[in-house]
N, C-alpha and C. Protein backbone atom coordinates (compact mmCIF):
# COMPACT_ATOMS: atom_id res chain seq x y z
N MET A 1 0.81 -1.19 0.00
CA MET A 1 0.00 0.00 0.00
C MET A 1 0.86 1.25 0.00
N THR A 2 1.99 1.19 -0.64
CA THR A 2 2.86 2.35 -0.71
C THR A 2 3.11 2.69 -2.17
N LEU A 3 3.11 3.97 -2.45
CA LEU A 3 3.36 4.47 -3.79
C LEU A 3 4.35 5.60 -3.66
N ALA A 4 5.32 5.70 -4.59
CA ALA A 4 6.28 6.80 -4.53
C ALA A 4 6.41 7.43 -5.91
N SER A 5 6.52 8.77 -5.95
CA SER A 5 6.70 9.52 -7.18
C SER A 5 7.53 10.76 -6.84
N ARG A 6 8.46 11.14 -7.70
CA ARG A 6 9.33 12.28 -7.44
C ARG A 6 8.61 13.58 -7.78
N LEU A 7 8.58 14.51 -6.81
CA LEU A 7 7.97 15.83 -6.99
C LEU A 7 9.04 16.91 -6.83
N VAL A 8 8.79 18.08 -7.41
CA VAL A 8 9.77 19.17 -7.42
C VAL A 8 9.29 20.32 -6.55
N ALA A 9 10.20 20.83 -5.71
CA ALA A 9 9.89 21.93 -4.79
C ALA A 9 9.34 23.13 -5.54
N GLY A 10 8.32 23.77 -4.96
CA GLY A 10 7.72 24.97 -5.52
C GLY A 10 6.69 24.72 -6.60
N GLN A 11 6.59 23.50 -7.08
CA GLN A 11 5.61 23.15 -8.10
C GLN A 11 4.28 22.81 -7.44
N GLU A 12 3.20 23.12 -8.15
CA GLU A 12 1.86 22.79 -7.64
C GLU A 12 1.39 21.51 -8.32
N TYR A 13 0.84 20.60 -7.51
CA TYR A 13 0.34 19.32 -8.00
C TYR A 13 -1.08 19.10 -7.53
N ARG A 14 -1.88 18.50 -8.39
CA ARG A 14 -3.22 18.05 -8.01
C ARG A 14 -3.13 16.53 -7.86
N LEU A 15 -3.55 16.05 -6.71
CA LEU A 15 -3.52 14.63 -6.40
C LEU A 15 -4.97 14.15 -6.30
N THR A 16 -5.32 13.14 -7.06
CA THR A 16 -6.68 12.63 -7.08
C THR A 16 -6.64 11.11 -6.88
N ALA A 17 -7.37 10.63 -5.88
CA ALA A 17 -7.38 9.20 -5.56
C ALA A 17 -8.77 8.62 -5.76
N VAL A 18 -8.84 7.46 -6.39
CA VAL A 18 -10.08 6.72 -6.55
C VAL A 18 -9.85 5.27 -6.14
N GLY A 19 -10.91 4.63 -5.75
CA GLY A 19 -10.81 3.22 -5.38
C GLY A 19 -11.31 3.00 -3.97
N GLN A 20 -11.14 1.77 -3.51
CA GLN A 20 -11.61 1.41 -2.18
C GLN A 20 -10.60 0.46 -1.56
N TRP A 21 -10.40 0.63 -0.28
CA TRP A 21 -9.60 -0.32 0.49
C TRP A 21 -10.34 -0.65 1.77
N ILE A 22 -9.90 -1.71 2.43
CA ILE A 22 -10.62 -2.20 3.60
C ILE A 22 -9.65 -2.36 4.75
N ASP A 23 -9.99 -1.74 5.86
CA ASP A 23 -9.22 -1.90 7.09
C ASP A 23 -9.95 -2.94 7.94
N TRP A 24 -9.40 -4.13 8.01
CA TRP A 24 -9.97 -5.27 8.70
C TRP A 24 -11.32 -5.62 8.09
N TYR A 25 -12.41 -4.98 8.53
CA TYR A 25 -13.74 -5.26 7.97
C TYR A 25 -14.45 -3.98 7.52
N ILE A 26 -13.75 -2.84 7.56
CA ILE A 26 -14.37 -1.54 7.30
C ILE A 26 -13.93 -1.01 5.92
N PRO A 27 -14.83 -1.00 4.93
CA PRO A 27 -14.48 -0.46 3.62
C PRO A 27 -14.54 1.07 3.63
N CYS A 28 -13.66 1.68 2.87
CA CYS A 28 -13.67 3.14 2.75
C CYS A 28 -12.90 3.55 1.50
N ASP A 29 -12.97 4.84 1.18
CA ASP A 29 -12.17 5.38 0.10
C ASP A 29 -11.01 6.15 0.72
N ALA A 30 -10.38 7.03 -0.04
CA ALA A 30 -9.20 7.77 0.42
C ALA A 30 -9.49 8.76 1.54
N GLU A 31 -10.77 9.04 1.81
CA GLU A 31 -11.11 9.94 2.91
C GLU A 31 -10.94 9.25 4.26
N GLY A 32 -10.94 7.92 4.28
CA GLY A 32 -10.82 7.19 5.53
C GLY A 32 -12.12 7.17 6.30
N PHE A 33 -12.03 6.89 7.60
CA PHE A 33 -13.23 6.82 8.43
C PHE A 33 -12.88 7.18 9.87
N PRO A 34 -13.85 7.72 10.62
CA PRO A 34 -13.62 8.00 12.05
C PRO A 34 -13.68 6.69 12.84
N SER A 35 -13.18 6.71 14.05
CA SER A 35 -13.25 5.52 14.90
C SER A 35 -14.71 5.09 15.03
N PRO A 36 -15.03 3.85 14.64
CA PRO A 36 -16.42 3.40 14.63
C PRO A 36 -16.98 3.06 16.01
N ASN A 37 -16.10 2.86 16.98
CA ASN A 37 -16.56 2.54 18.33
C ASN A 37 -15.45 2.83 19.33
N PRO A 38 -15.75 2.84 20.62
CA PRO A 38 -14.75 3.19 21.64
C PRO A 38 -13.53 2.26 21.68
N LEU A 39 -13.62 1.07 21.13
CA LEU A 39 -12.48 0.17 21.12
C LEU A 39 -11.32 0.73 20.29
N PHE A 40 -11.62 1.59 19.33
CA PHE A 40 -10.59 2.18 18.48
C PHE A 40 -9.89 3.37 19.15
N TRP A 41 -10.57 4.03 20.07
CA TRP A 41 -10.05 5.27 20.64
C TRP A 41 -8.65 5.17 21.22
N PRO A 42 -8.31 4.13 21.98
CA PRO A 42 -6.96 4.08 22.56
C PRO A 42 -5.85 3.96 21.51
N PHE A 43 -6.19 3.54 20.30
CA PHE A 43 -5.19 3.33 19.27
C PHE A 43 -5.02 4.53 18.34
N GLU A 44 -5.89 5.53 18.45
CA GLU A 44 -5.82 6.69 17.56
C GLU A 44 -4.46 7.37 17.62
N CYS A 45 -3.87 7.48 18.79
CA CYS A 45 -2.57 8.15 18.91
C CYS A 45 -1.44 7.35 18.30
N LEU A 46 -1.69 6.09 17.96
CA LEU A 46 -0.66 5.24 17.36
C LEU A 46 -0.68 5.26 15.83
N ARG A 47 -1.69 5.90 15.26
CA ARG A 47 -1.73 5.99 13.79
C ARG A 47 -0.51 6.75 13.28
N ARG A 48 -0.10 6.49 12.07
CA ARG A 48 1.07 7.18 11.51
C ARG A 48 0.85 8.68 11.43
N ALA A 49 -0.37 9.11 11.20
CA ALA A 49 -0.76 10.53 11.27
C ALA A 49 -1.88 10.59 12.31
N PRO A 50 -1.54 10.73 13.59
CA PRO A 50 -2.52 10.57 14.68
C PRO A 50 -3.75 11.45 14.60
N ARG A 51 -3.67 12.62 14.01
CA ARG A 51 -4.81 13.54 13.98
C ARG A 51 -5.72 13.34 12.77
N GLU A 52 -5.34 12.45 11.89
CA GLU A 52 -6.15 12.18 10.69
C GLU A 52 -6.96 10.90 10.89
N GLN A 53 -8.00 10.75 10.09
CA GLN A 53 -8.90 9.60 10.21
C GLN A 53 -8.18 8.29 9.87
N TRP A 54 -8.76 7.20 10.37
CA TRP A 54 -8.26 5.88 9.99
C TRP A 54 -8.33 5.75 8.47
N PHE A 55 -7.29 5.22 7.89
CA PHE A 55 -7.22 4.88 6.48
C PHE A 55 -7.35 6.07 5.53
N ALA A 56 -7.23 7.27 6.04
CA ALA A 56 -7.15 8.42 5.11
C ALA A 56 -5.86 8.27 4.32
N LEU A 57 -5.88 8.67 3.07
CA LEU A 57 -4.67 8.63 2.25
C LEU A 57 -3.78 9.79 2.67
N ILE A 58 -2.56 9.48 3.08
CA ILE A 58 -1.60 10.45 3.57
C ILE A 58 -0.38 10.43 2.66
N GLY A 59 0.21 11.60 2.42
CA GLY A 59 1.43 11.69 1.64
C GLY A 59 2.52 12.35 2.46
N ALA A 60 3.77 12.10 2.08
CA ALA A 60 4.93 12.73 2.72
C ALA A 60 6.05 12.80 1.70
N ILE A 61 6.88 13.80 1.81
CA ILE A 61 8.05 13.92 0.93
C ILE A 61 9.21 13.19 1.61
N ASP A 62 9.82 12.27 0.86
CA ASP A 62 10.96 11.49 1.35
C ASP A 62 10.69 10.80 2.69
N ARG A 63 9.45 10.37 2.89
CA ARG A 63 9.05 9.65 4.11
C ARG A 63 9.32 10.45 5.39
N ASN A 64 9.45 11.76 5.23
CA ASN A 64 9.72 12.64 6.36
C ASN A 64 8.40 12.94 7.06
N ARG A 65 8.31 12.56 8.31
CA ARG A 65 7.08 12.75 9.07
C ARG A 65 6.67 14.23 9.13
N GLU A 66 7.64 15.13 9.14
CA GLU A 66 7.35 16.56 9.20
C GLU A 66 6.71 17.11 7.93
N THR A 67 6.80 16.37 6.85
CA THR A 67 6.18 16.84 5.60
C THR A 67 4.87 16.12 5.30
N GLN A 68 4.36 15.33 6.23
CA GLN A 68 3.11 14.60 5.99
C GLN A 68 1.94 15.55 5.78
N PHE A 69 1.06 15.15 4.87
CA PHE A 69 -0.17 15.90 4.64
C PHE A 69 -1.26 14.95 4.18
N ARG A 70 -2.48 15.31 4.49
CA ARG A 70 -3.65 14.52 4.10
C ARG A 70 -3.94 14.77 2.63
N ILE A 71 -4.15 13.71 1.89
CA ILE A 71 -4.55 13.81 0.49
C ILE A 71 -6.04 13.58 0.37
N GLY A 72 -6.55 12.51 0.98
CA GLY A 72 -7.96 12.18 0.82
C GLY A 72 -8.28 11.88 -0.63
N ARG A 73 -9.49 12.18 -1.06
CA ARG A 73 -9.88 11.94 -2.46
C ARG A 73 -9.20 12.90 -3.42
N GLN A 74 -8.98 14.15 -2.95
CA GLN A 74 -8.35 15.14 -3.84
C GLN A 74 -7.67 16.22 -3.00
N ARG A 75 -6.51 16.64 -3.47
CA ARG A 75 -5.77 17.71 -2.78
C ARG A 75 -4.87 18.39 -3.80
N THR A 76 -4.82 19.72 -3.74
CA THR A 76 -3.85 20.47 -4.52
C THR A 76 -2.83 21.00 -3.53
N VAL A 77 -1.56 20.81 -3.83
CA VAL A 77 -0.50 21.16 -2.90
C VAL A 77 0.70 21.75 -3.64
N ILE A 78 1.32 22.76 -3.04
CA ILE A 78 2.61 23.26 -3.52
C ILE A 78 3.66 22.56 -2.69
N VAL A 79 4.53 21.84 -3.35
CA VAL A 79 5.49 21.00 -2.66
C VAL A 79 6.63 21.85 -2.08
N PRO A 80 6.91 21.69 -0.78
CA PRO A 80 7.93 22.50 -0.12
C PRO A 80 9.37 22.05 -0.38
N ALA A 81 9.55 20.81 -0.83
CA ALA A 81 10.89 20.29 -1.06
C ALA A 81 10.86 19.27 -2.19
N THR A 82 11.95 19.16 -2.91
CA THR A 82 12.05 18.14 -3.95
C THR A 82 12.31 16.80 -3.29
N GLY A 83 11.60 15.79 -3.74
CA GLY A 83 11.79 14.46 -3.18
C GLY A 83 10.71 13.51 -3.62
N MET A 84 10.77 12.32 -3.08
CA MET A 84 9.80 11.29 -3.40
C MET A 84 8.54 11.46 -2.56
N LEU A 85 7.40 11.49 -3.24
CA LEU A 85 6.12 11.49 -2.55
C LEU A 85 5.80 10.04 -2.23
N THR A 86 5.68 9.74 -0.96
CA THR A 86 5.30 8.41 -0.54
C THR A 86 3.92 8.51 0.09
N CYS A 87 3.03 7.63 -0.31
CA CYS A 87 1.65 7.66 0.18
C CYS A 87 1.34 6.38 0.94
N PHE A 88 0.44 6.51 1.92
CA PHE A 88 0.07 5.35 2.71
C PHE A 88 -1.32 5.52 3.29
N ALA A 89 -1.92 4.39 3.65
CA ALA A 89 -3.18 4.38 4.39
C ALA A 89 -2.85 4.67 5.85
N ASN A 90 -3.56 5.59 6.47
CA ASN A 90 -3.28 5.96 7.85
C ASN A 90 -3.77 4.88 8.81
N ASP A 91 -2.85 4.08 9.27
CA ASP A 91 -3.15 2.97 10.16
C ASP A 91 -2.02 2.89 11.19
N VAL A 92 -2.14 2.01 12.14
CA VAL A 92 -1.04 1.78 13.07
C VAL A 92 -0.07 0.79 12.42
N GLY A 93 1.20 0.97 12.69
CA GLY A 93 2.24 0.20 12.01
C GLY A 93 2.11 -1.31 12.11
N PHE A 94 1.62 -1.81 13.23
CA PHE A 94 1.53 -3.27 13.41
C PHE A 94 0.25 -3.86 12.84
N ALA A 95 -0.65 -3.04 12.27
CA ALA A 95 -1.95 -3.55 11.82
C ALA A 95 -2.13 -3.56 10.30
N TYR A 96 -1.09 -3.40 9.53
CA TYR A 96 -1.24 -3.42 8.08
C TYR A 96 -1.53 -4.83 7.54
N TRP A 97 -1.30 -5.83 8.33
CA TRP A 97 -1.51 -7.21 7.88
C TRP A 97 -2.97 -7.52 7.54
N ASN A 98 -3.92 -6.77 8.12
CA ASN A 98 -5.34 -7.09 7.90
C ASN A 98 -6.01 -6.16 6.90
N ASN A 99 -5.22 -5.51 6.05
CA ASN A 99 -5.75 -4.56 5.08
C ASN A 99 -5.75 -5.16 3.68
N VAL A 100 -6.79 -4.82 2.91
CA VAL A 100 -6.86 -5.25 1.51
C VAL A 100 -7.40 -4.10 0.67
N GLY A 101 -7.28 -4.24 -0.65
CA GLY A 101 -7.79 -3.24 -1.56
C GLY A 101 -6.70 -2.30 -2.03
N SER A 102 -7.08 -1.35 -2.87
CA SER A 102 -6.09 -0.41 -3.39
C SER A 102 -6.78 0.86 -3.89
N LEU A 103 -5.98 1.88 -4.02
CA LEU A 103 -6.41 3.15 -4.61
C LEU A 103 -5.55 3.42 -5.82
N GLU A 104 -6.10 4.19 -6.74
CA GLU A 104 -5.30 4.67 -7.88
C GLU A 104 -5.14 6.17 -7.67
N LEU A 105 -3.88 6.63 -7.59
CA LEU A 105 -3.58 8.03 -7.38
C LEU A 105 -3.06 8.64 -8.66
N THR A 106 -3.71 9.71 -9.10
CA THR A 106 -3.26 10.45 -10.28
C THR A 106 -2.59 11.73 -9.79
N ILE A 107 -1.39 11.99 -10.27
CA ILE A 107 -0.62 13.16 -9.88
C ILE A 107 -0.46 14.02 -11.13
N THR A 108 -0.96 15.25 -11.08
CA THR A 108 -0.88 16.17 -12.22
C THR A 108 -0.21 17.45 -11.78
N ARG A 109 0.89 17.84 -12.45
CA ARG A 109 1.52 19.11 -12.15
C ARG A 109 0.67 20.20 -12.79
N THR A 110 0.26 21.19 -12.00
CA THR A 110 -0.65 22.21 -12.51
C THR A 110 0.09 23.50 -12.88
N HIS A 111 1.23 23.77 -12.27
CA HIS A 111 2.04 24.96 -12.61
C HIS A 111 3.50 24.60 -12.65
């Protein structure tokens, strides 16, 4: 569930994701989903992007946590640094084993 593409600093890109993936038994798209019940609450802080929803599509430049940003279904972003855009489903690191499905991400340079 990882995708990488080289982006250039200062350039604007439109990122568009389509498709569906499933976290254990919960289907969703790139927007992800909120914790469906209190059993999920203690694990929210363990997500790779703790403040974003479960399974939201997240991107980062060169896997740098400080450059992480939510993509969701669509996002236009001016890239702050040149590097590889790596995308992932926002989950806890030890729970990727129960995930299935995929998204297709289209990256278009707009300027």
